[in-house]
Amino acid sequence: MKRVCFYNIECHSEEEARHLKVFLEVGLDKVKVSQDESYLNAIIPDLEEIKSRIECLG
């Protein structure tokens, strides 16, 4: 059974929101987010790719 929850989370940027989205969609309820936007820009594509691979396995 999959638990569905909805939250309003205020993000400072689209990058921060995309970073949070990846982790929240895989079930984490606590996520630390870097304040360095260039770092977020660098890792978001990899995080999203890894998440899509995980989803294909399930």
PDB file of N, CA and C in Angstrom:
ATOM      1  N   MET A   1       0.847  -1.181   0.000  1.00  0.00           N
ATOM      2  CA  MET A   1       0.000   0.000   0.000  1.00  0.00           C
ATOM      3  C   MET A   1       0.891   1.243   0.000  1.00  0.00           C
ATOM      4  N   LYS A   2       0.623   2.137  -0.908  1.00  0.00           N
ATOM      5  CA  LYS A   2       1.418   3.355  -1.033  1.00  0.00           C
ATOM      6  C   LYS A   2       0.748   4.490  -0.265  1.00  0.00           C
ATOM      7  N   ARG A   3       1.539   5.153   0.563  1.00  0.00           N
ATOM      8  CA  ARG A   3       1.030   6.276   1.341  1.00  0.00           C
ATOM      9  C   ARG A   3       1.158   7.543   0.502  1.00  0.00           C
ATOM     10  N   VAL A   4       0.110   8.323   0.457  1.00  0.00           N
ATOM     11  CA  VAL A   4       0.123   9.569  -0.310  1.00  0.00           C
ATOM     12  C   VAL A   4      -0.076  10.726   0.658  1.00  0.00           C
ATOM     13  N   CYS A   5       0.838  11.663   0.625  1.00  0.00           N
ATOM     14  CA  CYS A   5       0.749  12.853   1.462  1.00  0.00           C
ATOM     15  C   CYS A   5       0.992  14.076   0.595  1.00  0.00           C
ATOM     16  N   PHE A   6       0.362  15.152   0.940  1.00  0.00           N
ATOM     17  CA  PHE A   6       0.557  16.395   0.217  1.00  0.00           C
ATOM     18  C   PHE A   6       1.059  17.447   1.189  1.00  0.00           C
ATOM     19  N   TYR A   7       2.066  18.173   0.774  1.00  0.00           N
ATOM     20  CA  TYR A   7       2.658  19.212   1.599  1.00  0.00           C
ATOM     21  C   TYR A   7       2.837  20.467   0.759  1.00  0.00           C
ATOM     22  N   ASN A   8       2.774  21.595   1.407  1.00  0.00           N
ATOM     23  CA  ASN A   8       3.180  22.849   0.786  1.00  0.00           C
ATOM     24  C   ASN A   8       4.559  23.165   1.321  1.00  0.00           C
ATOM     25  N   ILE A   9       5.521  23.192   0.443  1.00  0.00           N
ATOM     26  CA  ILE A   9       6.893  23.493   0.832  1.00  0.00           C
ATOM     27  C   ILE A   9       7.334  24.700   0.022  1.00  0.00           C
ATOM     28  N   GLU A  10       7.746  25.725   0.717  1.00  0.00           N
ATOM     29  CA  GLU A  10       8.208  26.925   0.029  1.00  0.00           C
ATOM     30  C   GLU A  10       9.690  26.767  -0.300  1.00  0.00           C
ATOM     31  N   CYS A  11       9.994  26.873  -1.578  1.00  0.00           N
ATOM     32  CA  CYS A  11      11.371  26.728  -2.045  1.00  0.00           C
ATOM     33  C   CYS A  11      11.884  28.069  -2.533  1.00  0.00           C
ATOM     34  N   HIS A  12      13.186  28.244  -2.411  1.00  0.00           N
ATOM     35  CA  HIS A  12      13.797  29.503  -2.829  1.00  0.00           C
ATOM     36  C   HIS A  12      14.114  29.543  -4.317  1.00  0.00           C
ATOM     37  N   SER A  13      14.094  28.366  -4.958  1.00  0.00           N
ATOM     38  CA  SER A  13      14.403  28.330  -6.385  1.00  0.00           C
ATOM     39  C   SER A  13      13.806  27.068  -6.997  1.00  0.00           C
ATOM     40  N   GLU A  14      13.747  27.052  -8.318  1.00  0.00           N
ATOM     41  CA  GLU A  14      13.281  25.863  -9.018  1.00  0.00           C
ATOM     42  C   GLU A  14      14.232  24.694  -8.771  1.00  0.00           C
ATOM     43  N   GLU A  15      15.521  24.977  -8.700  1.00  0.00           N
ATOM     44  CA  GLU A  15      16.506  23.929  -8.460  1.00  0.00           C
ATOM     45  C   GLU A  15      16.287  23.269  -7.102  1.00  0.00           C
ATOM     46  N   GLU A  16      16.020  24.081  -6.095  1.00  0.00           N
ATOM     47  CA  GLU A  16      15.752  23.548  -4.758  1.00  0.00           C
ATOM     48  C   GLU A  16      14.502  22.672  -4.792  1.00  0.00           C
ATOM     49  N   ALA A  17      13.479  23.113  -5.493  1.00  0.00           N
ATOM     50  CA  ALA A  17      12.240  22.343  -5.589  1.00  0.00           C
ATOM     51  C   ALA A  17      12.467  21.012  -6.305  1.00  0.00           C
ATOM     52  N   ARG A  18      13.230  21.027  -7.382  1.00  0.00           N
ATOM     53  CA  ARG A  18      13.507  19.785  -8.117  1.00  0.00           C
ATOM     54  C   ARG A  18      14.314  18.814  -7.260  1.00  0.00           C
ATOM     55  N   HIS A  19      15.262  19.334  -6.496  1.00  0.00           N
ATOM     56  CA  HIS A  19      16.074  18.515  -5.606  1.00  0.00           C
ATOM     57  C   HIS A  19      15.182  17.839  -4.564  1.00  0.00           C
ATOM     58  N   LEU A  20      14.322  18.612  -3.927  1.00  0.00           N
ATOM     59  CA  LEU A  20      13.412  18.062  -2.925  1.00  0.00           C
ATOM     60  C   LEU A  20      12.470  17.031  -3.531  1.00  0.00           C
ATOM     61  N   LYS A  21      11.959  17.332  -4.708  1.00  0.00           N
ATOM     62  CA  LYS A  21      10.984  16.455  -5.369  1.00  0.00           C
ATOM     63  C   LYS A  21      11.535  15.047  -5.556  1.00  0.00           C
ATOM     64  N   VAL A  22      12.786  14.944  -5.996  1.00  0.00           N
ATOM     65  CA  VAL A  22      13.391  13.626  -6.216  1.00  0.00           C
ATOM     66  C   VAL A  22      13.351  12.802  -4.939  1.00  0.00           C
ATOM     67  N   PHE A  23      13.803  13.384  -3.855  1.00  0.00           N
ATOM     68  CA  PHE A  23      13.894  12.637  -2.606  1.00  0.00           C
ATOM     69  C   PHE A  23      12.535  12.370  -1.973  1.00  0.00           C
ATOM     70  N   LEU A  24      11.631  13.334  -2.043  1.00  0.00           N
ATOM     71  CA  LEU A  24      10.310  13.131  -1.475  1.00  0.00           C
ATOM     72  C   LEU A  24       9.529  12.064  -2.234  1.00  0.00           C
ATOM     73  N   GLU A  25       9.701  12.012  -3.546  1.00  0.00           N
ATOM     74  CA  GLU A  25       8.986  11.014  -4.341  1.00  0.00           C
ATOM     75  C   GLU A  25       9.487   9.587  -4.106  1.00  0.00           C
ATOM     76  N   VAL A  26      10.708   9.433  -3.620  1.00  0.00           N
ATOM     77  CA  VAL A  26      11.192   8.088  -3.309  1.00  0.00           C
ATOM     78  C   VAL A  26      10.943   7.723  -1.850  1.00  0.00           C
ATOM     79  N   GLY A  27      10.295   8.611  -1.099  1.00  0.00           N
ATOM     80  CA  GLY A  27       9.841   8.257   0.231  1.00  0.00           C
ATOM     81  C   GLY A  27      10.592   8.846   1.409  1.00  0.00           C
ATOM     82  N   LEU A  28      11.590   9.657   1.167  1.00  0.00           N
ATOM     83  CA  LEU A  28      12.278  10.273   2.301  1.00  0.00           C
ATOM     84  C   LEU A  28      11.399  11.365   2.901  1.00  0.00           C
ATOM     85  N   ASP A  29      11.457  11.510   4.208  1.00  0.00           N
ATOM     86  CA  ASP A  29      10.670  12.560   4.836  1.00  0.00           C
ATOM     87  C   ASP A  29      11.540  13.679   5.403  1.00  0.00           C
ATOM     88  N   LYS A  30      12.863  13.507   5.330  1.00  0.00           N
ATOM     89  CA  LYS A  30      13.788  14.561   5.736  1.00  0.00           C
ATOM     90  C   LYS A  30      14.866  14.678   4.664  1.00  0.00           C
ATOM     91  N   VAL A  31      15.068  15.887   4.188  1.00  0.00           N
ATOM     92  CA  VAL A  31      16.041  16.116   3.116  1.00  0.00           C
ATOM     93  C   VAL A  31      16.809  17.396   3.417  1.00  0.00           C
ATOM     94  N   LYS A  32      18.122  17.309   3.352  1.00  0.00           N
ATOM     95  CA  LYS A  32      18.946  18.516   3.474  1.00  0.00           C
ATOM     96  C   LYS A  32      19.207  19.045   2.073  1.00  0.00           C
ATOM     97  N   VAL A  33      19.109  20.353   1.916  1.00  0.00           N
ATOM     98  CA  VAL A  33      19.291  20.976   0.611  1.00  0.00           C
ATOM     99  C   VAL A  33      20.438  21.975   0.683  1.00  0.00           C
ATOM    100  N   SER A  34      21.357  21.848  -0.244  1.00  0.00           N
ATOM    101  CA  SER A  34      22.474  22.787  -0.328  1.00  0.00           C
ATOM    102  C   SER A  34      21.960  24.166  -0.727  1.00  0.00           C
ATOM    103  N   GLN A  35      22.579  25.183  -0.195  1.00  0.00           N
ATOM    104  CA  GLN A  35      22.238  26.557  -0.575  1.00  0.00           C
ATOM    105  C   GLN A  35      23.022  27.009  -1.806  1.00  0.00           C
ATOM    106  N   ASP A  36      23.926  26.175  -2.264  1.00  0.00           N
ATOM    107  CA  ASP A  36      24.762  26.480  -3.426  1.00  0.00           C
ATOM    108  C   ASP A  36      24.019  26.083  -4.704  1.00  0.00           C
ATOM    109  N   GLU A  37      23.464  27.071  -5.390  1.00  0.00           N
ATOM    110  CA  GLU A  37      22.643  26.809  -6.579  1.00  0.00           C
ATOM    111  C   GLU A  37      23.441  26.164  -7.708  1.00  0.00           C
ATOM    112  N   SER A  38      24.716  26.508  -7.846  1.00  0.00           N
ATOM    113  CA  SER A  38      25.515  25.895  -8.907  1.00  0.00           C
ATOM    114  C   SER A  38      25.715  24.407  -8.626  1.00  0.00           C
ATOM    115  N   TYR A  39      25.856  24.041  -7.368  1.00  0.00           N
ATOM    116  CA  TYR A  39      25.966  22.631  -6.991  1.00  0.00           C
ATOM    117  C   TYR A  39      24.659  21.899  -7.307  1.00  0.00           C
ATOM    118  N   LEU A  40      23.535  22.516  -6.945  1.00  0.00           N
ATOM    119  CA  LEU A  40      22.237  21.898  -7.238  1.00  0.00           C
ATOM    120  C   LEU A  40      22.065  21.700  -8.741  1.00  0.00           C
ATOM    121  N   ASN A  41      22.411  22.717  -9.526  1.00  0.00           N
ATOM    122  CA  ASN A  41      22.316  22.600 -10.985  1.00  0.00           C
ATOM    123  C   ASN A  41      23.154  21.448 -11.509  1.00  0.00           C
ATOM    124  N   ALA A  42      24.286  21.213 -10.880  1.00  0.00           N
ATOM    125  CA  ALA A  42      25.185  20.156 -11.340  1.00  0.00           C
ATOM    126  C   ALA A  42      24.666  18.759 -11.009  1.00  0.00           C
ATOM    127  N   ILE A  43      24.006  18.601  -9.864  1.00  0.00           N
ATOM    128  CA  ILE A  43      23.609  17.247  -9.448  1.00  0.00           C
ATOM    129  C   ILE A  43      22.176  16.862  -9.806  1.00  0.00           C
ATOM    130  N   ILE A  44      21.317  17.825 -10.060  1.00  0.00           N
ATOM    131  CA  ILE A  44      19.904  17.510 -10.323  1.00  0.00           C
ATOM    132  C   ILE A  44      19.716  16.564 -11.509  1.00  0.00           C
ATOM    133  N   PRO A  45      20.361  16.772 -12.650  1.00  0.00           N
ATOM    134  CA  PRO A  45      20.157  15.827 -13.756  1.00  0.00           C
ATOM    135  C   PRO A  45      20.539  14.382 -13.370  1.00  0.00           C
ATOM    136  N   ASP A  46      21.622  14.232 -12.622  1.00  0.00           N
ATOM    137  CA  ASP A  46      22.022  12.886 -12.188  1.00  0.00           C
ATOM    138  C   ASP A  46      21.000  12.291 -11.228  1.00  0.00           C
ATOM    139  N   LEU A  47      20.518  13.095 -10.284  1.00  0.00           N
ATOM    140  CA  LEU A  47      19.520  12.597  -9.332  1.00  0.00           C
ATOM    141  C   LEU A  47      18.250  12.156 -10.054  1.00  0.00           C
ATOM    142  N   GLU A  48      17.802  12.961 -11.002  1.00  0.00           N
ATOM    143  CA  GLU A  48      16.580  12.624 -11.734  1.00  0.00           C
ATOM    144  C   GLU A  48      16.777  11.365 -12.577  1.00  0.00           C
ATOM    145  N   GLU A  49      17.953  11.186 -13.158  1.00  0.00           N
ATOM    146  CA  GLU A  49      18.244   9.986 -13.942  1.00  0.00           C
ATOM    147  C   GLU A  49      18.271   8.741 -13.051  1.00  0.00           C
ATOM    148  N   ILE A  50      18.909   8.843 -11.909  1.00  0.00           N
ATOM    149  CA  ILE A  50      18.962   7.712 -10.975  1.00  0.00           C
ATOM    150  C   ILE A  50      17.559   7.352 -10.508  1.00  0.00           C
ATOM    151  N   LYS A  51      16.751   8.355 -10.206  1.00  0.00           N
ATOM    152  CA  LYS A  51      15.370   8.109  -9.772  1.00  0.00           C
ATOM    153  C   LYS A  51      14.578   7.389 -10.861  1.00  0.00           C
ATOM    154  N   SER A  52      14.742   7.803 -12.105  1.00  0.00           N
ATOM    155  CA  SER A  52      13.995   7.149 -13.196  1.00  0.00           C
ATOM    156  C   SER A  52      14.443   5.703 -13.376  1.00  0.00           C
ATOM    157  N   ARG A  53      15.714   5.422 -13.162  1.00  0.00           N
ATOM    158  CA  ARG A  53      16.205   4.049 -13.239  1.00  0.00           C
ATOM    159  C   ARG A  53      15.623   3.193 -12.128  1.00  0.00           C
ATOM    160  N   ILE A  54      15.551   3.758 -10.936  1.00  0.00           N
ATOM    161  CA  ILE A  54      14.960   3.034  -9.804  1.00  0.00           C
ATOM    162  C   ILE A  54      13.498   2.714 -10.094  1.00  0.00           C
ATOM    163  N   GLU A  55      12.773   3.679 -10.640  1.00  0.00           N
ATOM    164  CA  GLU A  55      11.359   3.477 -10.937  1.00  0.00           C
ATOM    165  C   GLU A  55      11.172   2.371 -11.977  1.00  0.00           C
ATOM    166  N   CYS A  56      12.088   2.261 -12.922  1.00  0.00           N
ATOM    167  CA  CYS A  56      11.981   1.215 -13.940  1.00  0.00           C
ATOM    168  C   CYS A  56      12.170  -0.180 -13.336  1.00  0.00           C
ATOM    169  N   LEU A  57      12.936  -0.267 -12.269  1.00  0.00           N
ATOM    170  CA  LEU A  57      13.165  -1.554 -11.605  1.00  0.00           C
ATOM    171  C   LEU A  57      11.959  -2.014 -10.803  1.00  0.00           C
ATOM    172  N   GLY A  58      11.165  -1.041 -10.326  1.00  0.00           N
ATOM    173  CA  GLY A  58      10.034  -1.359  -9.443  1.00  0.00           C
ATOM    174  C   GLY A  58       8.841  -1.710 -10.211  1.00  0.00           C
TER     175      GLY A  58
END
